[in-house]
Amino acid sequence: MKKTAQLCLIAALLSGCVSTGTFKAKQAEADAQKTRADAAEAKVAQLTKDLDAAKKNADDLTSKLKSDNDQLTGLQATKDNLEKSNSDLKSSLDANKTQLSQKVSSLIKDRDDVKTQLTAADAKIGELQGQVSAAQATAQALQKAKDDELAQVKKSYEDMTSGLKDQIAAGQVQITQLKGKLTLNMVDQILFDSGKAEIKGDGQKVLDKVGAALNGIADKDIRIEGHTDNKPISGALQGKYATNWELSTARATAVARYLQDHAKVDPSRLVAAGYGEFRPKTSNDTPEGRAQNRRIEIVLVPRD
């Protein structure tokens, strides 16, 4: 613009027909135009500068937008990952919840089973305690019965010992008390002659006293046992007693019959048994030993 105003002014001067006033006016106009042109150029420069700044700002915004888009894309990916992770966690939690619910149900069932077992155990303990109490009562009753029986046996022993003291002193009778069993042992020579089963007169007197003592013991059965030595039956006796067994049985039966018939002992309490030579008290190697083995034993035993 400035260059154009100068060219116009030069052209007017060359024409030669312009007055001084006109020239000044033109000069002032040219200056004004120049001022306007300078202002326009300054404005254009400012606009150019503003445009460059705007372009730069636009580039910055574009770059920032791209960065924001990239960040948004990353955040979206993170969000997707988090949502997937959350979904997986939810599925896992649901599965764990189901398992835990099953475990809780199982534990509750186990607890109820244990309670049932404890209740049954308590009932069983109560039952066992009742059985123990009953067993203790039974044991006490049995002990009392045993004590009573021992006391009765002791009394019977004392009564029989007192009633047969002369025969005991003479060695004809021996009375033993062992483990609640009372046994009266009589050597055969006081009752029988050798090889015979008929009771002698002196033997009958002894049996009368034995029977009186036995009648005072009403709660026992009376087992009469015949025993011999090991010398076999010989001679004419074999026709009557084939072996010692028959002889021992005949002697036991004879004593039982005498106690029933003469001492009036209840026959339901009497048992006769012959053992022959098979239950010796001692060795049969000497005359003394054989004499001890030839015997009648009267044993008091509990009634059936």
Protein backbone atom coordinates (compact mmCIF):
# COMPACT_ATOMS: atom_id res chain seq x y z
CA MET A 1 0.00 0.00 0.00
CA LYS A 2 2.79 2.39 0.89
CA LYS A 3 4.47 1.75 -2.44
CA THR A 4 1.24 2.51 -4.36
CA ALA A 5 0.73 5.87 -2.61
CA GLN A 6 4.27 6.91 -3.51
CA LEU A 7 3.74 6.04 -7.15
CA CYS A 8 0.58 8.21 -7.31
CA LEU A 9 2.37 11.14 -5.78
CA ILE A 10 5.23 10.90 -8.26
CA ALA A 11 2.82 10.72 -11.14
CA ALA A 12 1.07 13.93 -10.06
CA LEU A 13 4.34 15.80 -9.79
CA LEU A 14 5.44 14.73 -13.24
CA SER A 15 2.31 15.96 -14.84
CA GLY A 16 3.18 19.42 -13.73
CA CYS A 17 -0.30 20.60 -13.43
CA VAL A 18 -0.74 20.07 -9.62
CA SER A 19 -0.69 23.06 -7.28
CA THR A 20 1.08 23.18 -3.98
CA GLY A 21 -2.13 22.92 -1.99
CA THR A 22 -3.24 20.10 -4.04
CA PHE A 23 0.09 18.48 -3.55
CA LYS A 24 -0.08 18.81 0.21
CA ALA A 25 -3.56 17.53 0.17
CA LYS A 26 -2.42 14.64 -1.88
CA GLN A 27 0.59 14.28 0.32
CA ALA A 28 -1.65 14.15 3.42
CA GLU A 29 -3.94 11.70 1.72
CA ALA A 30 -0.96 9.60 0.72
CA ASP A 31 0.26 9.68 4.30
CA ALA A 32 -3.17 8.72 5.52
CA GLN A 33 -3.29 5.93 3.03
CA LYS A 34 0.16 4.91 4.14
CA THR A 35 -0.95 4.95 7.74
CA ARG A 36 -3.96 2.86 6.84
CA ALA A 37 -1.77 0.55 4.80
CA ASP A 38 0.65 0.18 7.70
CA ALA A 39 -2.24 -0.48 10.05
CA ALA A 40 -3.62 -2.99 7.57
CA GLU A 41 -0.23 -4.68 7.30
CA ALA A 42 0.11 -4.75 11.06
CA LYS A 43 -3.36 -6.24 11.32
CA VAL A 44 -2.51 -8.78 8.62
CA ALA A 45 0.70 -9.64 10.50
CA GLN A 46 -1.26 -9.93 13.76
CA LEU A 47 -3.90 -12.06 12.07
CA THR A 48 -1.16 -14.21 10.55
CA LYS A 49 0.40 -14.52 13.96
CA ASP A 50 -3.00 -15.30 15.49
CA LEU A 51 -3.61 -17.82 12.71
CA ASP A 52 -0.29 -19.49 13.39
CA ALA A 53 -1.09 -19.52 17.07
CA ALA A 54 -4.53 -20.92 16.32
CA LYS A 55 -3.01 -23.59 14.07
CA LYS A 56 -0.50 -24.43 16.76
CA ASN A 57 -3.27 -24.51 19.32
CA ALA A 58 -5.31 -26.69 16.94
CA ASP A 59 -2.31 -29.02 16.53
CA ASP A 60 -1.88 -29.10 20.29
CA LEU A 61 -5.55 -29.81 20.72
CA THR A 62 -5.38 -32.49 18.01
CA SER A 63 -2.36 -34.04 19.74
CA LYS A 64 -4.09 -33.79 23.12
CA LEU A 65 -7.25 -35.25 21.59
CA LYS A 66 -5.23 -38.14 20.19
CA SER A 67 -3.55 -38.58 23.58
CA ASP A 68 -6.93 -38.41 25.27
CA ASN A 69 -8.31 -40.89 22.75
CA ASP A 70 -5.37 -43.20 23.39
CA GLN A 71 -5.86 -42.78 27.12
CA LEU A 72 -9.58 -43.36 26.72
CA THR A 73 -8.86 -46.47 24.67
CA GLY A 74 -6.50 -47.68 27.43
CA LEU A 75 -9.07 -46.84 30.08
CA GLN A 76 -11.73 -48.64 28.07
CA ALA A 77 -9.46 -51.68 27.82
CA THR A 78 -8.78 -51.44 31.55
CA LYS A 79 -12.51 -51.10 32.13
CA ASP A 80 -13.18 -54.16 29.98
CA ASN A 81 -10.48 -56.09 31.81
CA LEU A 82 -11.87 -54.96 35.15
CA GLU A 83 -15.39 -55.88 34.10
CA LYS A 84 -14.16 -59.32 32.95
CA SER A 85 -12.17 -59.70 36.15
CA ASN A 86 -15.21 -58.61 38.13
CA SER A 87 -17.34 -61.10 36.20
CA ASP A 88 -14.79 -63.85 36.85
CA LEU A 89 -14.65 -62.86 40.52
CA LYS A 90 -18.43 -62.89 40.69
CA SER A 91 -18.53 -66.34 39.09
CA SER A 92 -15.81 -67.52 41.47
CA LEU A 93 -17.64 -65.99 44.43
CA ASP A 94 -20.89 -67.62 43.32
CA ALA A 95 -19.11 -70.97 42.98
CA ASN A 96 -17.42 -70.50 46.36
CA LYS A 97 -20.73 -69.45 47.85
CA THR A 98 -22.32 -72.65 46.53
CA GLN A 99 -19.43 -74.73 47.88
CA LEU A 100 -19.57 -72.92 51.20
CA SER A 101 -23.32 -73.43 51.37
CA GLN A 102 -22.81 -77.13 50.70
CA LYS A 103 -20.05 -77.28 53.35
CA VAL A 104 -22.25 -75.42 55.83
CA SER A 105 -25.11 -77.82 55.11
CA SER A 106 -22.74 -80.76 55.51
CA LEU A 107 -21.36 -79.33 58.77
CA ILE A 108 -24.88 -78.73 60.07
CA LYS A 109 -25.77 -82.33 59.18
CA ASP A 110 -22.58 -83.56 60.88
CA ARG A 111 -23.40 -81.45 63.94
CA ASP A 112 -26.92 -82.85 64.07
CA ASP A 113 -25.55 -86.38 63.63
CA VAL A 114 -23.07 -85.78 66.46
CA LYS A 115 -25.88 -84.42 68.63
CA THR A 116 -27.93 -87.54 67.84
CA GLN A 117 -24.95 -89.75 68.63
CA LEU A 118 -24.30 -87.84 71.86
CA THR A 119 -27.95 -88.25 72.83
CA ALA A 120 -27.73 -91.97 72.06
CA ALA A 121 -24.43 -92.15 73.94
CA ASP A 122 -25.98 -90.40 76.95
CA ALA A 123 -28.87 -92.83 76.83
CA LYS A 124 -26.44 -95.74 76.54
CA ILE A 125 -24.39 -94.35 79.42
CA GLY A 126 -27.57 -94.08 81.48
CA GLU A 127 -28.47 -97.64 80.52
CA LEU A 128 -24.97 -98.87 81.37
CA GLN A 129 -25.03 -96.97 84.65
CA GLY A 130 -28.33 -98.67 85.41
CA GLN A 131 -26.80 -102.02 84.51
CA VAL A 132 -23.76 -101.23 86.65
CA SER A 133 -26.01 -100.28 89.55
CA ALA A 134 -28.02 -103.46 89.04
CA ALA A 135 -24.81 -105.49 88.76
CA GLN A 136 -23.47 -103.87 91.92
CA ALA A 137 -26.72 -104.64 93.72
CA THR A 138 -26.58 -108.21 92.40
CA ALA A 139 -22.93 -108.49 93.42
CA GLN A 140 -23.78 -107.18 96.87
CA ALA A 141 -26.67 -109.63 97.12
CA LEU A 142 -24.44 -112.48 95.93
CA GLN A 143 -21.72 -111.43 98.35
CA LYS A 144 -24.28 -111.34 101.14
CA ALA A 145 -25.59 -114.75 100.10
CA LYS A 146 -22.02 -116.02 99.97
CA ASP A 147 -21.27 -114.53 103.36
CA ASP A 148 -24.48 -116.03 104.72
CA GLU A 149 -23.61 -119.39 103.17
CA LEU A 150 -20.10 -119.28 104.59
CA ALA A 151 -21.54 -118.39 107.98
CA GLN A 152 -23.98 -121.31 107.67
CA VAL A 153 -21.20 -123.65 106.60
CA LYS A 154 -19.11 -122.46 109.51
CA LYS A 155 -22.02 -123.04 111.90
CA SER A 156 -22.66 -126.46 110.36
CA TYR A 157 -18.98 -127.30 110.73
CA GLU A 158 -19.04 -126.24 114.37
CA ASP A 159 -22.25 -128.22 115.03
CA MET A 160 -20.93 -131.35 113.34
CA THR A 161 -17.57 -131.03 115.05
CA SER A 162 -19.28 -130.65 118.40
CA GLY A 163 -21.63 -133.62 117.77
CA LEU A 164 -18.83 -135.92 116.57
CA LYS A 165 -15.98 -134.77 118.78
CA ASP A 166 -15.40 -138.26 120.25
CA GLN A 167 -15.20 -139.85 116.79
CA ILE A 168 -12.97 -137.03 115.58
CA ALA A 169 -10.72 -137.46 118.59
CA ALA A 170 -10.54 -141.22 117.90
CA GLY A 171 -9.51 -140.55 114.29
CA GLN A 172 -12.63 -142.24 112.94
CA VAL A 173 -14.09 -139.06 111.43
CA GLN A 174 -12.47 -136.02 109.86
CA ILE A 175 -14.40 -132.85 108.99
CA THR A 176 -12.99 -130.26 106.58
CA GLN A 177 -14.29 -126.86 105.52
CA LEU A 178 -12.83 -125.56 102.23
CA LYS A 179 -14.16 -122.81 99.90
CA GLY A 180 -17.68 -123.06 101.27
CA LYS A 181 -17.81 -126.84 100.96
CA LEU A 182 -18.17 -129.02 104.05
CA THR A 183 -16.82 -132.59 103.82
CA LEU A 184 -17.13 -135.38 106.41
CA ASN A 185 -14.57 -138.13 105.84
CA MET A 186 -15.03 -141.53 107.54
CA VAL A 187 -12.54 -144.37 107.26
CA ASP A 188 -14.17 -147.52 105.98
CA GLN A 189 -13.14 -149.71 108.93
CA ILE A 190 -15.54 -147.89 111.27
CA LEU A 191 -18.43 -148.62 108.92
CA PHE A 192 -17.64 -151.83 107.03
CA ASP A 193 -15.75 -155.06 107.31
CA SER A 194 -13.24 -155.73 104.59
CA GLY A 195 -14.88 -156.42 101.23
CA LYS A 196 -18.42 -155.90 102.58
CA ALA A 197 -21.10 -153.18 102.20
CA GLU A 198 -23.14 -153.93 105.35
CA ILE A 199 -22.82 -151.19 108.01
CA LYS A 200 -21.42 -152.43 111.36
CA GLY A 201 -22.99 -151.60 114.72
CA ASP A 202 -20.33 -149.04 115.70
CA GLY A 203 -20.72 -147.48 112.25
CA GLN A 204 -24.47 -147.17 112.76
CA LYS A 205 -23.92 -145.22 115.99
CA VAL A 206 -21.63 -142.82 114.15
CA LEU A 207 -24.15 -142.42 111.31
CA ASP A 208 -26.94 -141.68 113.81
CA LYS A 209 -24.93 -138.70 115.08
CA VAL A 210 -24.00 -137.70 111.50
CA GLY A 211 -27.67 -137.85 110.48
CA ALA A 212 -28.71 -135.65 113.43
CA ALA A 213 -26.10 -133.09 112.42
CA LEU A 214 -27.18 -133.25 108.73
CA ASN A 215 -30.84 -132.67 109.64
CA GLY A 216 -29.78 -129.37 111.15
CA ILE A 217 -28.49 -128.23 107.74
CA ALA A 218 -31.62 -128.08 105.64
CA ASP A 219 -30.39 -125.96 102.70
CA LYS A 220 -27.74 -128.36 101.34
CA ASP A 221 -27.81 -131.53 99.30
CA ILE A 222 -25.84 -134.47 100.72
CA ARG A 223 -23.52 -136.28 98.35
CA ILE A 224 -22.27 -139.62 99.73
CA GLU A 225 -19.12 -140.78 97.94
CA GLY A 226 -17.64 -144.28 98.19
CA HIS A 227 -13.86 -144.71 97.62
CA THR A 228 -11.54 -147.75 97.68
CA ASP A 229 -7.84 -148.44 97.36
CA ASN A 230 -6.41 -149.92 94.17
CA LYS A 231 -6.29 -153.56 95.25
CA PRO A 232 -8.59 -155.47 92.88
CA ILE A 233 -11.55 -157.56 94.08
CA SER A 234 -10.52 -161.19 94.35
CA GLY A 235 -11.85 -164.59 95.36
CA ALA A 236 -15.49 -165.18 96.16
CA LEU A 237 -16.20 -161.43 96.37
CA GLN A 238 -15.89 -161.17 92.57
CA GLY A 239 -19.20 -162.91 92.28
CA LYS A 240 -20.83 -160.03 94.17
CA TYR A 241 -18.63 -157.05 93.24
CA ALA A 242 -16.89 -157.36 89.91
CA THR A 243 -14.66 -154.28 90.58
CA ASN A 244 -13.94 -151.68 93.22
CA TRP A 245 -16.42 -149.48 91.44
CA GLU A 246 -19.33 -151.74 92.34
CA LEU A 247 -18.07 -152.06 95.94
CA SER A 248 -17.64 -148.30 96.42
CA THR A 249 -21.11 -147.65 94.93
CA ALA A 250 -22.74 -150.30 97.14
CA ARG A 251 -21.16 -148.81 100.28
CA ALA A 252 -22.26 -145.25 99.32
CA THR A 253 -25.80 -146.52 98.67
CA ALA A 254 -25.86 -148.39 102.01
CA VAL A 255 -24.93 -145.18 103.89
CA ALA A 256 -27.60 -143.20 102.00
CA ARG A 257 -30.23 -145.83 102.80
CA TYR A 258 -29.27 -145.86 106.49
CA LEU A 259 -29.44 -142.03 106.74
CA GLN A 260 -32.88 -142.10 105.11
CA ASP A 261 -34.31 -145.01 107.09
CA HIS A 262 -32.77 -144.46 110.52
CA ALA A 263 -31.63 -140.83 110.74
CA LYS A 264 -34.73 -139.64 108.82
CA VAL A 265 -32.74 -137.49 106.42
CA ASP A 266 -34.86 -136.23 103.52
CA PRO A 267 -34.07 -138.65 100.65
CA SER A 268 -34.49 -135.87 98.05
CA ARG A 269 -31.29 -134.39 99.47
CA LEU A 270 -29.28 -137.62 99.21
CA VAL A 271 -26.98 -138.58 96.34
CA ALA A 272 -24.95 -141.81 96.29
CA ALA A 273 -21.88 -142.08 94.06
CA GLY A 274 -19.09 -144.65 93.75
CA TYR A 275 -15.63 -143.54 92.61
CA GLY A 276 -13.81 -146.82 93.16
CA GLU A 277 -10.05 -146.38 93.24
CA PHE A 278 -9.93 -143.43 90.86
CA ARG A 279 -9.89 -140.50 93.32
CA PRO A 280 -7.29 -141.46 95.94
CA LYS A 281 -6.37 -139.05 98.70
CA THR A 282 -2.77 -140.31 98.78
CA SER A 283 -0.52 -142.98 97.32
CA ASN A 284 -1.59 -146.63 97.43
CA ASP A 285 2.02 -147.81 97.78
CA THR A 286 1.79 -148.32 101.57
CA PRO A 287 -0.77 -149.96 103.86
CA GLU A 288 -1.29 -146.59 105.59
CA GLY A 289 -1.96 -144.86 102.27
CA ARG A 290 -4.42 -147.54 101.17
CA ALA A 291 -6.22 -147.25 104.52
CA GLN A 292 -6.74 -143.52 103.94
CA ASN A 293 -8.02 -144.10 100.42
CA ARG A 294 -10.66 -146.61 101.64
CA ARG A 295 -13.25 -144.13 102.89
CA ILE A 296 -16.77 -142.70 102.78
CA GLU A 297 -16.99 -138.96 102.18
CA ILE A 298 -20.18 -137.03 102.90
CA VAL A 299 -20.09 -133.71 101.07
CA LEU A 300 -22.56 -130.85 101.59
CA VAL A 301 -23.23 -129.06 98.30
CA PRO A 302 -25.66 -126.27 97.28
CA ARG A 303 -29.11 -127.54 96.33
CA ASP A 304 -30.06 -127.50 92.62
